Amino acid sequence: MSRFRRLAPYFVLGPLTGPCVAGVVHNLRDGRPVLAGLYMVALFETIFLFPPIVVALTARTATQLLHH
């Protein structure tokens, strides 16, 4: 059961955000706030910056394919 508790963020939150949340939680518990902060930055980038970048690149690629 304790193994499932450790791995739960990976399964519940998905393959991109799960490891970031787990990194934040485990590093805060182990007394490494700077590393936890770096995981928080990565989590922020994954949630808020990654989707618009993917949309922009997809739109650009689709536009280029339609014009050729």
PDB file of N, CA and C in Angstrom:
ATOM      1  N   MET A   1       0.827  -1.201   0.000  1.00  0.00           N
ATOM      2  CA  MET A   1       0.000   0.000   0.000  1.00  0.00           C
ATOM      3  C   MET A   1       0.867   1.259   0.000  1.00  0.00           C
ATOM      4  N   SER A   2       2.002   1.258   0.709  1.00  0.00           N
ATOM      5  CA  SER A   2       2.818   2.466   0.754  1.00  0.00           C
ATOM      6  C   SER A   2       3.459   2.741  -0.605  1.00  0.00           C
ATOM      7  N   ARG A   3       3.731   1.686  -1.365  1.00  0.00           N
ATOM      8  CA  ARG A   3       4.281   1.887  -2.707  1.00  0.00           C
ATOM      9  C   ARG A   3       3.258   2.591  -3.600  1.00  0.00           C
ATOM     10  N   PHE A   4       1.989   2.211  -3.481  1.00  0.00           N
ATOM     11  CA  PHE A   4       0.947   2.860  -4.263  1.00  0.00           C
ATOM     12  C   PHE A   4       0.818   4.333  -3.879  1.00  0.00           C
ATOM     13  N   ARG A   5       0.948   4.649  -2.610  1.00  0.00           N
ATOM     14  CA  ARG A   5       0.881   6.046  -2.166  1.00  0.00           C
ATOM     15  C   ARG A   5       2.007   6.875  -2.769  1.00  0.00           C
ATOM     16  N   ARG A   6       3.188   6.278  -2.860  1.00  0.00           N
ATOM     17  CA  ARG A   6       4.323   6.996  -3.454  1.00  0.00           C
ATOM     18  C   ARG A   6       4.124   7.232  -4.938  1.00  0.00           C
ATOM     19  N   LEU A   7       3.499   6.296  -5.632  1.00  0.00           N
ATOM     20  CA  LEU A   7       3.347   6.396  -7.077  1.00  0.00           C
ATOM     21  C   LEU A   7       2.022   7.012  -7.512  1.00  0.00           C
ATOM     22  N   ALA A   8       1.129   7.284  -6.588  1.00  0.00           N
ATOM     23  CA  ALA A   8      -0.197   7.809  -6.919  1.00  0.00           C
ATOM     24  C   ALA A   8      -0.160   9.090  -7.762  1.00  0.00           C
ATOM     25  N   PRO A   9       0.716  10.067  -7.473  1.00  0.00           N
ATOM     26  CA  PRO A   9       0.719  11.273  -8.320  1.00  0.00           C
ATOM     27  C   PRO A   9       1.012  10.977  -9.785  1.00  0.00           C
ATOM     28  N   TYR A  10       1.826   9.969 -10.035  1.00  0.00           N
ATOM     29  CA  TYR A  10       2.133   9.633 -11.424  1.00  0.00           C
ATOM     30  C   TYR A  10       0.887   9.144 -12.159  1.00  0.00           C
ATOM     31  N   PHE A  11       0.081   8.356 -11.478  1.00  0.00           N
ATOM     32  CA  PHE A  11      -1.100   7.783 -12.117  1.00  0.00           C
ATOM     33  C   PHE A  11      -2.268   8.760 -12.174  1.00  0.00           C
ATOM     34  N   VAL A  12      -2.438   9.545 -11.136  1.00  0.00           N
ATOM     35  CA  VAL A  12      -3.599  10.435 -11.048  1.00  0.00           C
ATOM     36  C   VAL A  12      -3.437  11.661 -11.944  1.00  0.00           C
ATOM     37  N   LEU A  13      -2.268  12.247 -11.976  1.00  0.00           N
ATOM     38  CA  LEU A  13      -2.088  13.523 -12.653  1.00  0.00           C
ATOM     39  C   LEU A  13      -1.541  13.418 -14.071  1.00  0.00           C
ATOM     40  N   GLY A  14      -1.111  12.261 -14.469  1.00  0.00           N
ATOM     41  CA  GLY A  14      -0.648  12.097 -15.835  1.00  0.00           C
ATOM     42  C   GLY A  14       0.853  12.027 -15.964  1.00  0.00           C
ATOM     43  N   PRO A  15       1.313  11.745 -17.184  1.00  0.00           N
ATOM     44  CA  PRO A  15       2.737  11.514 -17.385  1.00  0.00           C
ATOM     45  C   PRO A  15       3.603  12.766 -17.366  1.00  0.00           C
ATOM     46  N   LEU A  16       3.043  13.941 -17.581  1.00  0.00           N
ATOM     47  CA  LEU A  16       3.851  15.165 -17.571  1.00  0.00           C
ATOM     48  C   LEU A  16       3.814  15.878 -16.222  1.00  0.00           C
ATOM     49  N   THR A  17       2.628  16.056 -15.681  1.00  0.00           N
ATOM     50  CA  THR A  17       2.514  16.796 -14.425  1.00  0.00           C
ATOM     51  C   THR A  17       2.734  15.925 -13.202  1.00  0.00           C
ATOM     52  N   GLY A  18       2.487  14.638 -13.329  1.00  0.00           N
ATOM     53  CA  GLY A  18       2.658  13.727 -12.196  1.00  0.00           C
ATOM     54  C   GLY A  18       4.063  13.735 -11.621  1.00  0.00           C
ATOM     55  N   PRO A  19       5.099  13.553 -12.440  1.00  0.00           N
ATOM     56  CA  PRO A  19       6.458  13.591 -11.892  1.00  0.00           C
ATOM     57  C   PRO A  19       6.824  14.940 -11.274  1.00  0.00           C
ATOM     58  N   CYS A  20       6.302  16.024 -11.825  1.00  0.00           N
ATOM     59  CA  CYS A  20       6.590  17.346 -11.249  1.00  0.00           C
ATOM     60  C   CYS A  20       5.966  17.485  -9.870  1.00  0.00           C
ATOM     61  N   VAL A  21       4.718  17.073  -9.730  1.00  0.00           N
ATOM     62  CA  VAL A  21       4.059  17.156  -8.423  1.00  0.00           C
ATOM     63  C   VAL A  21       4.744  16.234  -7.425  1.00  0.00           C
ATOM     64  N   ALA A  22       5.086  15.027  -7.862  1.00  0.00           N
ATOM     65  CA  ALA A  22       5.783  14.103  -6.967  1.00  0.00           C
ATOM     66  C   ALA A  22       7.135  14.685  -6.543  1.00  0.00           C
ATOM     67  N   GLY A  23       7.841  15.341  -7.465  1.00  0.00           N
ATOM     68  CA  GLY A  23       9.109  15.965  -7.130  1.00  0.00           C
ATOM     69  C   GLY A  23       8.946  17.067  -6.104  1.00  0.00           C
ATOM     70  N   VAL A  24       7.906  17.863  -6.251  1.00  0.00           N
ATOM     71  CA  VAL A  24       7.643  18.930  -5.278  1.00  0.00           C
ATOM     72  C   VAL A  24       7.375  18.326  -3.910  1.00  0.00           C
ATOM     73  N   VAL A  25       6.478  17.363  -3.852  1.00  0.00           N
ATOM     74  CA  VAL A  25       6.075  16.779  -2.566  1.00  0.00           C
ATOM     75  C   VAL A  25       7.252  16.081  -1.887  1.00  0.00           C
ATOM     76  N   HIS A  26       7.955  15.230  -2.615  1.00  0.00           N
ATOM     77  CA  HIS A  26       9.045  14.468  -2.002  1.00  0.00           C
ATOM     78  C   HIS A  26      10.199  15.376  -1.562  1.00  0.00           C
ATOM     79  N   ASN A  27      10.500  16.386  -2.351  1.00  0.00           N
ATOM     80  CA  ASN A  27      11.606  17.271  -1.979  1.00  0.00           C
ATOM     81  C   ASN A  27      11.242  18.189  -0.819  1.00  0.00           C
ATOM     82  N   LEU A  28       9.988  18.608  -0.735  1.00  0.00           N
ATOM     83  CA  LEU A  28       9.583  19.395   0.437  1.00  0.00           C
ATOM     84  C   LEU A  28       9.625  18.545   1.699  1.00  0.00           C
ATOM     85  N   ARG A  29       9.178  17.298   1.590  1.00  0.00           N
ATOM     86  CA  ARG A  29       9.220  16.400   2.758  1.00  0.00           C
ATOM     87  C   ARG A  29      10.651  16.103   3.197  1.00  0.00           C
ATOM     88  N   ASP A  30      11.553  16.009   2.236  1.00  0.00           N
ATOM     89  CA  ASP A  30      12.946  15.687   2.558  1.00  0.00           C
ATOM     90  C   ASP A  30      13.774  16.921   2.912  1.00  0.00           C
ATOM     91  N   GLY A  31      13.156  18.083   2.944  1.00  0.00           N
ATOM     92  CA  GLY A  31      13.860  19.289   3.364  1.00  0.00           C
ATOM     93  C   GLY A  31      14.720  19.925   2.282  1.00  0.00           C
ATOM     94  N   ARG A  32      14.326  19.789   1.033  1.00  0.00           N
ATOM     95  CA  ARG A  32      15.050  20.409  -0.079  1.00  0.00           C
ATOM     96  C   ARG A  32      14.123  21.414  -0.785  1.00  0.00           C
ATOM     97  N   PRO A  33      13.934  22.586  -0.192  1.00  0.00           N
ATOM     98  CA  PRO A  33      12.980  23.544  -0.761  1.00  0.00           C
ATOM     99  C   PRO A  33      13.425  24.126  -2.099  1.00  0.00           C
ATOM    100  N   VAL A  34      14.727  24.260  -2.330  1.00  0.00           N
ATOM    101  CA  VAL A  34      15.187  24.832  -3.601  1.00  0.00           C
ATOM    102  C   VAL A  34      14.867  23.879  -4.749  1.00  0.00           C
ATOM    103  N   LEU A  35      15.141  22.599  -4.561  1.00  0.00           N
ATOM    104  CA  LEU A  35      14.827  21.618  -5.591  1.00  0.00           C
ATOM    105  C   LEU A  35      13.317  21.506  -5.791  1.00  0.00           C
ATOM    106  N   ALA A  36      12.558  21.596  -4.705  1.00  0.00           N
ATOM    107  CA  ALA A  36      11.096  21.598  -4.818  1.00  0.00           C
ATOM    108  C   ALA A  36      10.631  22.813  -5.619  1.00  0.00           C
ATOM    109  N   GLY A  37      11.279  23.941  -5.416  1.00  0.00           N
ATOM    110  CA  GLY A  37      10.937  25.143  -6.181  1.00  0.00           C
ATOM    111  C   GLY A  37      11.213  24.979  -7.666  1.00  0.00           C
ATOM    112  N   LEU A  38      12.305  24.294  -7.994  1.00  0.00           N
ATOM    113  CA  LEU A  38      12.601  24.035  -9.400  1.00  0.00           C
ATOM    114  C   LEU A  38      11.547  23.121 -10.031  1.00  0.00           C
ATOM    115  N   TYR A  39      11.095  22.149  -9.258  1.00  0.00           N
ATOM    116  CA  TYR A  39      10.008  21.299  -9.747  1.00  0.00           C
ATOM    117  C   TYR A  39       8.724  22.110  -9.925  1.00  0.00           C
ATOM    118  N   MET A  40       8.486  23.093  -9.037  1.00  0.00           N
ATOM    119  CA  MET A  40       7.301  23.950  -9.186  1.00  0.00           C
ATOM    120  C   MET A  40       7.381  24.788 -10.456  1.00  0.00           C
ATOM    121  N   VAL A  41       8.565  25.285 -10.775  1.00  0.00           N
ATOM    122  CA  VAL A  41       8.746  26.040 -12.011  1.00  0.00           C
ATOM    123  C   VAL A  41       8.466  25.147 -13.213  1.00  0.00           C
ATOM    124  N   ALA A  42       8.990  23.919 -13.182  1.00  0.00           N
ATOM    125  CA  ALA A  42       8.731  22.983 -14.279  1.00  0.00           C
ATOM    126  C   ALA A  42       7.253  22.657 -14.382  1.00  0.00           C
ATOM    127  N   LEU A  43       6.576  22.524 -13.246  1.00  0.00           N
ATOM    128  CA  LEU A  43       5.136  22.256 -13.247  1.00  0.00           C
ATOM    129  C   LEU A  43       4.373  23.435 -13.849  1.00  0.00           C
ATOM    130  N   PHE A  44       4.741  24.641 -13.468  1.00  0.00           N
ATOM    131  CA  PHE A  44       4.099  25.841 -14.020  1.00  0.00           C
ATOM    132  C   PHE A  44       4.280  25.896 -15.537  1.00  0.00           C
ATOM    133  N   GLU A  45       5.504  25.638 -15.985  1.00  0.00           N
ATOM    134  CA  GLU A  45       5.753  25.673 -17.427  1.00  0.00           C
ATOM    135  C   GLU A  45       4.963  24.602 -18.155  1.00  0.00           C
ATOM    136  N   THR A  46       4.852  23.427 -17.556  1.00  0.00           N
ATOM    137  CA  THR A  46       4.118  22.333 -18.182  1.00  0.00           C
ATOM    138  C   THR A  46       2.635  22.661 -18.290  1.00  0.00           C
ATOM    139  N   ILE A  47       2.082  23.263 -17.261  1.00  0.00           N
ATOM    140  CA  ILE A  47       0.638  23.531 -17.251  1.00  0.00           C
ATOM    141  C   ILE A  47       0.277  24.751 -18.084  1.00  0.00           C
ATOM    142  N   PHE A  48       1.029  25.834 -17.968  1.00  0.00           N
ATOM    143  CA  PHE A  48       0.620  27.096 -18.572  1.00  0.00           C
ATOM    144  C   PHE A  48       1.344  27.465 -19.860  1.00  0.00           C
ATOM    145  N   LEU A  49       2.571  27.032 -20.060  1.00  0.00           N
ATOM    146  CA  LEU A  49       3.314  27.446 -21.246  1.00  0.00           C
ATOM    147  C   LEU A  49       3.344  26.381 -22.345  1.00  0.00           C
ATOM    148  N   PHE A  50       3.340  25.121 -21.966  1.00  0.00           N
ATOM    149  CA  PHE A  50       3.441  24.057 -22.954  1.00  0.00           C
ATOM    150  C   PHE A  50       2.239  24.006 -23.907  1.00  0.00           C
ATOM    151  N   PRO A  51       0.988  24.089 -23.426  1.00  0.00           N
ATOM    152  CA  PRO A  51      -0.157  24.025 -24.354  1.00  0.00           C
ATOM    153  C   PRO A  51      -0.169  25.135 -25.406  1.00  0.00           C
ATOM    154  N   PRO A  52       0.063  26.414 -25.069  1.00  0.00           N
ATOM    155  CA  PRO A  52       0.065  27.425 -26.134  1.00  0.00           C
ATOM    156  C   PRO A  52       1.193  27.228 -27.150  1.00  0.00           C
ATOM    157  N   ILE A  53       2.341  26.742 -26.694  1.00  0.00           N
ATOM    158  CA  ILE A  53       3.445  26.486 -27.626  1.00  0.00           C
ATOM    159  C   ILE A  53       3.064  25.381 -28.596  1.00  0.00           C
ATOM    160  N   VAL A  54       2.448  24.324 -28.088  1.00  0.00           N
ATOM    161  CA  VAL A  54       2.031  23.219 -28.949  1.00  0.00           C
ATOM    162  C   VAL A  54       0.981  23.684 -29.949  1.00  0.00           C
ATOM    163  N   VAL A  55       0.037  24.496 -29.504  1.00  0.00           N
ATOM    164  CA  VAL A  55      -1.000  25.009 -30.408  1.00  0.00           C
ATOM    165  C   VAL A  55      -0.380  25.875 -31.494  1.00  0.00           C
ATOM    166  N   ALA A  56       0.537  26.741 -31.124  1.00  0.00           N
ATOM    167  CA  ALA A  56       1.170  27.613 -32.118  1.00  0.00           C
ATOM    168  C   ALA A  56       1.962  26.809 -33.139  1.00  0.00           C
ATOM    169  N   LEU A  57       2.721  25.838 -32.677  1.00  0.00           N
ATOM    170  CA  LEU A  57       3.504  25.022 -33.608  1.00  0.00           C
ATOM    171  C   LEU A  57       2.606  24.177 -34.505  1.00  0.00           C
ATOM    172  N   THR A  58       1.521  23.662 -33.944  1.00  0.00           N
ATOM    173  CA  THR A  58       0.587  22.867 -34.740  1.00  0.00           C
ATOM    174  C   THR A  58      -0.098  23.734 -35.785  1.00  0.00           C
ATOM    175  N   ALA A  59      -0.516  24.929 -35.407  1.00  0.00           N
ATOM    176  CA  ALA A  59      -1.174  25.823 -36.363  1.00  0.00           C
ATOM    177  C   ALA A  59      -0.216  26.222 -37.476  1.00  0.00           C
ATOM    178  N   ARG A  60       1.021  26.501 -37.129  1.00  0.00           N
ATOM    179  CA  ARG A  60       2.001  26.882 -38.140  1.00  0.00           C
ATOM    180  C   ARG A  60       2.268  25.726 -39.107  1.00  0.00           C
ATOM    181  N   THR A  61       2.412  24.530 -38.573  1.00  0.00           N
ATOM    182  CA  THR A  61       2.667  23.363 -39.405  1.00  0.00           C
ATOM    183  C   THR A  61       1.474  23.068 -40.299  1.00  0.00           C
ATOM    184  N   ALA A  62       0.271  23.163 -39.752  1.00  0.00           N
ATOM    185  CA  ALA A  62      -0.927  22.912 -40.551  1.00  0.00           C
ATOM    186  C   ALA A  62      -1.065  23.942 -41.661  1.00  0.00           C
ATOM    187  N   THR A  63      -0.770  25.194 -41.371  1.00  0.00           N
ATOM    188  CA  THR A  63      -0.838  26.242 -42.389  1.00  0.00           C
ATOM    189  C   THR A  63       0.172  25.986 -43.498  1.00  0.00           C
ATOM    190  N   GLN A  64       1.363  25.579 -43.136  1.00  0.00           N
ATOM    191  CA  GLN A  64       2.388  25.302 -44.143  1.00  0.00           C
ATOM    192  C   GLN A  64       2.005  24.099 -44.996  1.00  0.00           C
ATOM    193  N   LEU A  65       1.393  23.092 -44.403  1.00  0.00           N
ATOM    194  CA  LEU A  65       0.990  21.918 -45.170  1.00  0.00           C
ATOM    195  C   LEU A  65      -0.155  22.237 -46.123  1.00  0.00           C
ATOM    196  N   LEU A  66      -1.040  23.129 -45.717  1.00  0.00           N
ATOM    197  CA  LEU A  66      -2.178  23.476 -46.575  1.00  0.00           C
ATOM    198  C   LEU A  66      -1.769  24.332 -47.763  1.00  0.00           C
ATOM    199  N   HIS A  67      -0.710  25.111 -47.623  1.00  0.00           N
ATOM    200  CA  HIS A  67      -0.278  25.982 -48.701  1.00  0.00           C
ATOM    201  C   HIS A  67       0.632  25.291 -49.698  1.00  0.00           C
ATOM    202  N   HIS A  68       1.062  24.073 -49.411  1.00  0.00           N
ATOM    203  CA  HIS A  68       1.953  23.366 -50.335  1.00  0.00           C
ATOM    204  C   HIS A  68       1.224  22.356 -51.126  1.00  0.00           C
TER     205      HIS A  68
END
